[in-house]
Amino acid sequence: MTDKTKHIKNAAIIALIGNTILGCLKLAVGLFSGSAALVGDGLDSSADVLISIITLVVVGINTALRISDLLRLKWNDVYDYVSRRFRSHITLKESKTGKGKKVRLNKQVMEALKLYWPHKRGDFIFANNRKNMLPISRVQAFRIIKSAAKAIKMKERISCHSLRKTLGYHAWRTGAAVAVIMDIYNHTDYEVTRRYLGIAQDDRDKIYIGMALV
C-alpha cells in the first residue's frame, strides 16, 4: 500500500469515526452510563470515555486545530454563559504561530459539544479527572485517538496530527480551493499544504486527462 493510499484510508476512517459513531451516541450513552468501571486516563466512567473519544475526534476533524490548541479549549470558548447558548465560532490565537484564528463550529461539532456538556468538568473541555482539572496531556489524547482507531481495527499508524489533516483532505477532494485550505491551516508554504493533502502524480494526471480545452 502506498503512502498516499494509507493517507486516504486514514482520513476516511477518521471521518467515519466522527460521523458514524456520533449518530449512535445517544443510544451508546444510554447503554454505558450505568457502568461505574474506571477506564482510561483522566476518565471515570464508560460513558465519559465514550463521549470524550467522540467529542475529541469530532471537534478535531471538523476544526483542523493543532492538538495543542484543541486541548487548551475552554467551555467559554464555545459557550456564551451570558446568553446561555453555544457560540457559532471559536476565536483563538494559535500556540505555535501566534496567529489569530476564527473557526466556524458546524453541526457535527455542535451536536458533540451539546452531548458532552452535561459531563463537563471544570473550565477546560478536555479536562482530566484530577482535582486541578487541567487539560488532558497530548499523550492521553493520543491514547484516546488510538483507542478509537483500534475499535474499528485500523492497522495503519495514526497520530494526533491525523485529525488536523483530515478536514483539509476531504475539503480538497470535494473541490475546495487550495488557497482557502492554506488559509484555514495558516500555511504560508504551498508545499506544506500539498503534503497535508497527499497530492500525488495520479491526482495531477486526472486533471490533465479530464481537460478538453480544444
C-alpha atoms as a PDB file:
ATOM      1  CA  MET A   1       0.000   0.000   0.000  1.00  0.00           C
ATOM      2  CA  THR A   2       1.468   3.394  -0.983  1.00  0.00           C
ATOM      3  CA  ASP A   3       1.858   6.276   1.487  1.00  0.00           C
ATOM      4  CA  LYS A   4      -0.848   8.202  -0.404  1.00  0.00           C
ATOM      5  CA  THR A   5      -3.260   5.274  -0.182  1.00  0.00           C
ATOM      6  CA  LYS A   6      -2.600   4.977   3.551  1.00  0.00           C
ATOM      7  CA  HIS A   7      -3.222   8.704   3.967  1.00  0.00           C
ATOM      8  CA  ILE A   8      -6.527   8.458   2.098  1.00  0.00           C
ATOM      9  CA  LYS A   9      -7.613   5.439   4.124  1.00  0.00           C
ATOM     10  CA  ASN A  10      -6.632   7.096   7.414  1.00  0.00           C
ATOM     11  CA  ALA A  11      -8.555  10.262   6.530  1.00  0.00           C
ATOM     12  CA  ALA A  12     -11.638   8.316   5.505  1.00  0.00           C
ATOM     13  CA  ILE A  13     -11.619   6.136   8.627  1.00  0.00           C
ATOM     14  CA  ILE A  14     -11.143   9.083  10.990  1.00  0.00           C
ATOM     15  CA  ALA A  15     -14.044  10.878   9.338  1.00  0.00           C
ATOM     16  CA  LEU A  16     -16.081   7.691   9.677  1.00  0.00           C
ATOM     17  CA  ILE A  17     -15.430   7.654  13.415  1.00  0.00           C
ATOM     18  CA  GLY A  18     -16.716  11.192  13.739  1.00  0.00           C
ATOM     19  CA  ASN A  19     -19.822  10.799  11.591  1.00  0.00           C
ATOM     20  CA  THR A  20     -20.954   7.222  12.205  1.00  0.00           C
ATOM     21  CA  ILE A  21     -20.344   6.976  15.947  1.00  0.00           C
ATOM     22  CA  LEU A  22     -21.872  10.390  16.568  1.00  0.00           C
ATOM     23  CA  GLY A  23     -25.163   9.185  15.117  1.00  0.00           C
ATOM     24  CA  CYS A  24     -25.218   6.312  17.639  1.00  0.00           C
ATOM     25  CA  LEU A  25     -24.054   8.359  20.608  1.00  0.00           C
ATOM     26  CA  LYS A  26     -27.359   8.769  22.452  1.00  0.00           C
ATOM     27  CA  LEU A  27     -28.013   5.036  22.319  1.00  0.00           C
ATOM     28  CA  ALA A  28     -24.473   4.191  23.375  1.00  0.00           C
ATOM     29  CA  VAL A  29     -24.552   6.581  26.318  1.00  0.00           C
ATOM     30  CA  GLY A  30     -27.801   5.001  27.456  1.00  0.00           C
ATOM     31  CA  LEU A  31     -26.194   1.585  27.387  1.00  0.00           C
ATOM     32  CA  PHE A  32     -22.983   2.547  29.151  1.00  0.00           C
ATOM     33  CA  SER A  33     -23.934   5.298  31.571  1.00  0.00           C
ATOM     34  CA  GLY A  34     -24.839   2.816  34.300  1.00  0.00           C
ATOM     35  CA  SER A  35     -21.305   1.417  34.420  1.00  0.00           C
ATOM     36  CA  ALA A  36     -19.018   2.564  37.227  1.00  0.00           C
ATOM     37  CA  ALA A  37     -15.892   0.933  35.821  1.00  0.00           C
ATOM     38  CA  LEU A  38     -12.811   3.121  35.777  1.00  0.00           C
ATOM     39  CA  VAL A  39     -11.425   3.145  32.251  1.00  0.00           C
ATOM     40  CA  GLY A  40      -8.741   5.263  30.659  1.00  0.00           C
ATOM     41  CA  ASP A  41      -6.569   8.102  31.867  1.00  0.00           C
ATOM     42  CA  GLY A  42      -8.391  11.072  33.299  1.00  0.00           C
ATOM     43  CA  LEU A  43     -11.798   9.466  32.732  1.00  0.00           C
ATOM     44  CA  ASP A  44     -14.022   7.953  35.390  1.00  0.00           C
ATOM     45  CA  SER A  45     -16.784   6.011  33.653  1.00  0.00           C
ATOM     46  CA  SER A  46     -17.532   4.155  30.443  1.00  0.00           C
ATOM     47  CA  ALA A  47     -19.921   6.899  29.368  1.00  0.00           C
ATOM     48  CA  ASP A  48     -17.257   9.557  29.912  1.00  0.00           C
ATOM     49  CA  VAL A  49     -14.766   7.517  27.899  1.00  0.00           C
ATOM     50  CA  LEU A  50     -17.168   7.169  25.004  1.00  0.00           C
ATOM     51  CA  ILE A  51     -18.232  10.814  24.976  1.00  0.00           C
ATOM     52  CA  SER A  52     -14.673  12.074  25.366  1.00  0.00           C
ATOM     53  CA  ILE A  53     -13.421   9.959  22.465  1.00  0.00           C
ATOM     54  CA  ILE A  54     -16.240  11.082  20.202  1.00  0.00           C
ATOM     55  CA  THR A  55     -16.011  14.755  21.137  1.00  0.00           C
ATOM     56  CA  LEU A  56     -12.234  14.874  20.744  1.00  0.00           C
ATOM     57  CA  VAL A  57     -12.353  13.196  17.334  1.00  0.00           C
ATOM     58  CA  VAL A  58     -15.366  15.145  16.043  1.00  0.00           C
ATOM     59  CA  VAL A  59     -14.048  18.537  17.138  1.00  0.00           C
ATOM     60  CA  GLY A  60     -10.568  17.655  15.916  1.00  0.00           C
ATOM     61  CA  ILE A  61     -11.512  16.619  12.394  1.00  0.00           C
ATOM     62  CA  ASN A  62     -14.039  19.423  11.903  1.00  0.00           C
ATOM     63  CA  THR A  63     -11.912  22.341  13.131  1.00  0.00           C
ATOM     64  CA  ALA A  64      -8.429  21.302  11.882  1.00  0.00           C
ATOM     65  CA  LEU A  65      -6.892  22.731  15.057  1.00  0.00           C
ATOM     66  CA  ARG A  66      -3.470  21.582  16.185  1.00  0.00           C
ATOM     67  CA  ILE A  67      -3.709  19.194  19.129  1.00  0.00           C
ATOM     68  CA  SER A  68      -2.039  21.812  21.368  1.00  0.00           C
ATOM     69  CA  ASP A  69      -4.809  24.318  20.574  1.00  0.00           C
ATOM     70  CA  LEU A  70      -7.537  21.696  20.718  1.00  0.00           C
ATOM     71  CA  LEU A  71      -6.614  20.552  24.219  1.00  0.00           C
ATOM     72  CA  ARG A  72      -6.481  24.073  25.675  1.00  0.00           C
ATOM     73  CA  LEU A  73     -10.012  24.936  24.527  1.00  0.00           C
ATOM     74  CA  LYS A  74     -12.250  26.061  27.375  1.00  0.00           C
ATOM     75  CA  TRP A  75     -16.010  25.866  27.601  1.00  0.00           C
ATOM     76  CA  ASN A  76     -16.267  29.661  27.428  1.00  0.00           C
ATOM     77  CA  ASP A  77     -14.549  29.441  24.018  1.00  0.00           C
ATOM     78  CA  VAL A  78     -17.568  27.550  22.668  1.00  0.00           C
ATOM     79  CA  TYR A  79     -20.341  28.582  25.068  1.00  0.00           C
ATOM     80  CA  ASP A  80     -21.634  32.058  25.919  1.00  0.00           C
ATOM     81  CA  TYR A  81     -22.671  31.923  29.583  1.00  0.00           C
ATOM     82  CA  VAL A  82     -24.439  35.287  29.347  1.00  0.00           C
ATOM     83  CA  SER A  83     -26.791  34.357  26.501  1.00  0.00           C
ATOM     84  CA  ARG A  84     -26.740  30.697  27.567  1.00  0.00           C
ATOM     85  CA  ARG A  85     -26.096  29.310  24.132  1.00  0.00           C
ATOM     86  CA  PHE A  86     -23.239  27.833  22.153  1.00  0.00           C
ATOM     87  CA  ARG A  87     -21.152  30.199  20.079  1.00  0.00           C
ATOM     88  CA  SER A  88     -21.074  29.965  16.288  1.00  0.00           C
ATOM     89  CA  HIS A  89     -17.297  30.431  16.131  1.00  0.00           C
ATOM     90  CA  ILE A  90     -14.162  29.715  18.125  1.00  0.00           C
ATOM     91  CA  THR A  91     -11.746  32.644  18.256  1.00  0.00           C
ATOM     92  CA  LEU A  92      -8.202  31.931  19.424  1.00  0.00           C
ATOM     93  CA  LYS A  93      -4.513  32.631  18.915  1.00  0.00           C
ATOM     94  CA  GLU A  94      -2.537  29.636  17.678  1.00  0.00           C
ATOM     95  CA  SER A  95       0.006  28.474  20.249  1.00  0.00           C
ATOM     96  CA  LYS A  96       2.583  27.534  17.589  1.00  0.00           C
ATOM     97  CA  THR A  97       2.397  30.527  15.256  1.00  0.00           C
ATOM     98  CA  GLY A  98       0.849  33.237  17.416  1.00  0.00           C
ATOM     99  CA  LYS A  99      -1.570  33.953  14.561  1.00  0.00           C
ATOM    100  CA  GLY A 100      -5.217  34.717  15.176  1.00  0.00           C
ATOM    101  CA  LYS A 101      -7.784  32.177  14.044  1.00  0.00           C
ATOM    102  CA  LYS A 102     -11.577  32.090  13.794  1.00  0.00           C
ATOM    103  CA  VAL A 103     -13.209  28.702  13.299  1.00  0.00           C
ATOM    104  CA  ARG A 104     -16.869  28.092  12.431  1.00  0.00           C
ATOM    105  CA  LEU A 105     -18.496  25.363  14.511  1.00  0.00           C
ATOM    106  CA  ASN A 106     -20.524  23.109  12.212  1.00  0.00           C
ATOM    107  CA  LYS A 107     -23.486  20.908  13.064  1.00  0.00           C
ATOM    108  CA  GLN A 108     -21.362  17.885  13.926  1.00  0.00           C
ATOM    109  CA  VAL A 109     -19.254  19.844  16.398  1.00  0.00           C
ATOM    110  CA  MET A 110     -22.325  21.436  17.975  1.00  0.00           C
ATOM    111  CA  GLU A 111     -24.003  18.066  18.486  1.00  0.00           C
ATOM    112  CA  ALA A 112     -20.905  16.571  20.087  1.00  0.00           C
ATOM    113  CA  LEU A 113     -20.400  19.532  22.429  1.00  0.00           C
ATOM    114  CA  LYS A 114     -24.053  19.610  23.482  1.00  0.00           C
ATOM    115  CA  LEU A 115     -23.969  15.920  24.337  1.00  0.00           C
ATOM    116  CA  TYR A 116     -20.707  16.361  26.246  1.00  0.00           C
ATOM    117  CA  TRP A 117     -21.953  19.455  28.120  1.00  0.00           C
ATOM    118  CA  PRO A 118     -23.668  17.546  30.988  1.00  0.00           C
ATOM    119  CA  HIS A 119     -20.400  15.665  31.605  1.00  0.00           C
ATOM    120  CA  LYS A 120     -18.116  18.733  31.700  1.00  0.00           C
ATOM    121  CA  ARG A 121     -15.520  19.074  34.466  1.00  0.00           C
ATOM    122  CA  GLY A 122     -14.094  22.496  35.161  1.00  0.00           C
ATOM    123  CA  ASP A 123     -13.142  25.140  32.610  1.00  0.00           C
ATOM    124  CA  PHE A 124     -11.378  23.002  30.026  1.00  0.00           C
ATOM    125  CA  ILE A 125     -13.403  20.939  27.556  1.00  0.00           C
ATOM    126  CA  PHE A 126     -10.977  18.031  27.609  1.00  0.00           C
ATOM    127  CA  ALA A 127     -10.159  18.093  31.323  1.00  0.00           C
ATOM    128  CA  ASN A 128      -8.658  15.293  33.380  1.00  0.00           C
ATOM    129  CA  ASN A 129     -10.434  13.931  36.456  1.00  0.00           C
ATOM    130  CA  ARG A 130      -7.868  15.179  38.929  1.00  0.00           C
ATOM    131  CA  LYS A 131      -8.536  17.970  41.392  1.00  0.00           C
ATOM    132  CA  ASN A 132      -6.753  20.538  39.238  1.00  0.00           C
ATOM    133  CA  MET A 133      -8.997  19.657  36.246  1.00  0.00           C
ATOM    134  CA  LEU A 134      -6.322  20.755  33.774  1.00  0.00           C
ATOM    135  CA  PRO A 135      -6.448  19.637  30.121  1.00  0.00           C
ATOM    136  CA  ILE A 136      -5.518  16.067  29.377  1.00  0.00           C
ATOM    137  CA  SER A 137      -1.992  15.695  28.032  1.00  0.00           C
ATOM    138  CA  ARG A 138      -1.004  15.137  24.422  1.00  0.00           C
ATOM    139  CA  VAL A 139      -0.111  11.555  25.399  1.00  0.00           C
ATOM    140  CA  GLN A 140      -3.585  10.981  26.826  1.00  0.00           C
ATOM    141  CA  ALA A 141      -5.131  12.482  23.694  1.00  0.00           C
ATOM    142  CA  PHE A 142      -3.062  10.134  21.551  1.00  0.00           C
ATOM    143  CA  ARG A 143      -4.300   7.164  23.590  1.00  0.00           C
ATOM    144  CA  ILE A 144      -7.900   8.284  23.080  1.00  0.00           C
ATOM    145  CA  ILE A 145      -7.406   8.629  19.315  1.00  0.00           C
ATOM    146  CA  LYS A 146      -5.563   5.330  19.155  1.00  0.00           C
ATOM    147  CA  SER A 147      -8.363   3.575  21.051  1.00  0.00           C
ATOM    148  CA  ALA A 148     -10.890   4.919  18.540  1.00  0.00           C
ATOM    149  CA  ALA A 149      -8.769   3.591  15.667  1.00  0.00           C
ATOM    150  CA  LYS A 150      -8.318   0.253  17.435  1.00  0.00           C
ATOM    151  CA  ALA A 151     -12.071  -0.069  17.919  1.00  0.00           C
ATOM    152  CA  ILE A 152     -12.535  -0.193  14.139  1.00  0.00           C
ATOM    153  CA  LYS A 153      -9.457  -2.436  13.681  1.00  0.00           C
ATOM    154  CA  MET A 154      -7.417   0.212  11.913  1.00  0.00           C
ATOM    155  CA  LYS A 155      -3.889  -1.103  11.403  1.00  0.00           C
ATOM    156  CA  GLU A 156      -2.199   1.927   9.838  1.00  0.00           C
ATOM    157  CA  ARG A 157      -0.257   4.355  12.006  1.00  0.00           C
ATOM    158  CA  ILE A 158      -2.300   7.233  13.362  1.00  0.00           C
ATOM    159  CA  SER A 159      -1.355  10.316  15.359  1.00  0.00           C
ATOM    160  CA  CYS A 160      -2.952  13.387  16.914  1.00  0.00           C
ATOM    161  CA  HIS A 161      -1.984  15.314  13.778  1.00  0.00           C
ATOM    162  CA  SER A 162      -4.128  12.964  11.679  1.00  0.00           C
ATOM    163  CA  LEU A 163      -7.217  14.793  12.960  1.00  0.00           C
ATOM    164  CA  ARG A 164      -5.909  18.136  11.696  1.00  0.00           C
ATOM    165  CA  LYS A 165      -5.086  16.763   8.256  1.00  0.00           C
ATOM    166  CA  THR A 166      -8.481  15.118   7.744  1.00  0.00           C
ATOM    167  CA  LEU A 167     -10.564  18.252   7.191  1.00  0.00           C
ATOM    168  CA  GLY A 168      -8.207  19.663   4.570  1.00  0.00           C
ATOM    169  CA  TYR A 169      -8.006  16.409   2.662  1.00  0.00           C
ATOM    170  CA  HIS A 170     -11.778  15.980   2.420  1.00  0.00           C
ATOM    171  CA  ALA A 171     -12.281  19.677   1.622  1.00  0.00           C
ATOM    172  CA  TRP A 172      -9.811  19.390  -1.255  1.00  0.00           C
ATOM    173  CA  ARG A 173     -11.430  16.185  -2.551  1.00  0.00           C
ATOM    174  CA  THR A 174     -14.806  17.948  -2.674  1.00  0.00           C
ATOM    175  CA  GLY A 175     -13.449  20.880  -4.676  1.00  0.00           C
ATOM    176  CA  ALA A 176     -12.342  23.460  -2.101  1.00  0.00           C
ATOM    177  CA  ALA A 177      -9.684  25.857  -3.372  1.00  0.00           C
ATOM    178  CA  VAL A 178      -6.197  25.053  -2.128  1.00  0.00           C
ATOM    179  CA  ALA A 179      -5.712  28.750  -1.286  1.00  0.00           C
ATOM    180  CA  VAL A 180      -8.645  28.599   1.146  1.00  0.00           C
ATOM    181  CA  ILE A 181      -7.331  25.378   2.705  1.00  0.00           C
ATOM    182  CA  MET A 182      -3.918  27.030   3.135  1.00  0.00           C
ATOM    183  CA  ASP A 183      -5.665  29.922   4.895  1.00  0.00           C
ATOM    184  CA  ILE A 184      -7.542  27.531   7.204  1.00  0.00           C
ATOM    185  CA  TYR A 185      -4.245  25.896   8.175  1.00  0.00           C
ATOM    186  CA  ASN A 186      -2.472  29.268   8.377  1.00  0.00           C
ATOM    187  CA  HIS A 187       0.136  27.892   5.975  1.00  0.00           C
ATOM    188  CA  THR A 188       2.374  30.250   4.017  1.00  0.00           C
ATOM    189  CA  ASP A 189       4.139  27.460   2.102  1.00  0.00           C
ATOM    190  CA  TYR A 190       2.161  25.553  -0.537  1.00  0.00           C
ATOM    191  CA  GLU A 191       4.492  22.551  -0.210  1.00  0.00           C
ATOM    192  CA  VAL A 192       3.414  22.078   3.396  1.00  0.00           C
ATOM    193  CA  THR A 193      -0.258  22.085   2.376  1.00  0.00           C
ATOM    194  CA  ARG A 194       0.456  19.734  -0.533  1.00  0.00           C
ATOM    195  CA  ARG A 195       1.952  17.203   1.871  1.00  0.00           C
ATOM    196  CA  TYR A 196      -1.066  17.571   4.145  1.00  0.00           C
ATOM    197  CA  LEU A 197      -3.419  16.851   1.263  1.00  0.00           C
ATOM    198  CA  GLY A 198      -1.393  13.938  -0.070  1.00  0.00           C
ATOM    199  CA  ILE A 199      -1.401  15.321  -3.618  1.00  0.00           C
ATOM    200  CA  ALA A 200       0.492  12.904  -5.870  1.00  0.00           C
ATOM    201  CA  GLN A 201       1.150  12.374  -9.578  1.00  0.00           C
ATOM    202  CA  ASP A 202      -2.042  10.403 -10.168  1.00  0.00           C
ATOM    203  CA  ASP A 203      -4.035  13.421  -8.928  1.00  0.00           C
ATOM    204  CA  ARG A 204      -2.234  15.636 -11.437  1.00  0.00           C
ATOM    205  CA  ASP A 205      -2.792  13.072 -14.196  1.00  0.00           C
ATOM    206  CA  LYS A 206      -6.557  13.129 -13.598  1.00  0.00           C
ATOM    207  CA  ILE A 207      -6.611  16.878 -14.238  1.00  0.00           C
ATOM    208  CA  TYR A 208      -4.645  16.542 -17.478  1.00  0.00           C
ATOM    209  CA  ILE A 209      -6.857  13.704 -18.666  1.00  0.00           C
ATOM    210  CA  GLY A 210     -10.059  15.482 -17.669  1.00  0.00           C
ATOM    211  CA  MET A 211      -9.268  18.695 -19.552  1.00  0.00           C
ATOM    212  CA  ALA A 212     -10.641  19.142 -23.087  1.00  0.00           C
ATOM    213  CA  LEU A 213      -9.768  22.732 -23.969  1.00  0.00           C
ATOM    214  CA  VAL A 214      -9.809  22.442 -27.773  1.00  0.00           C
END
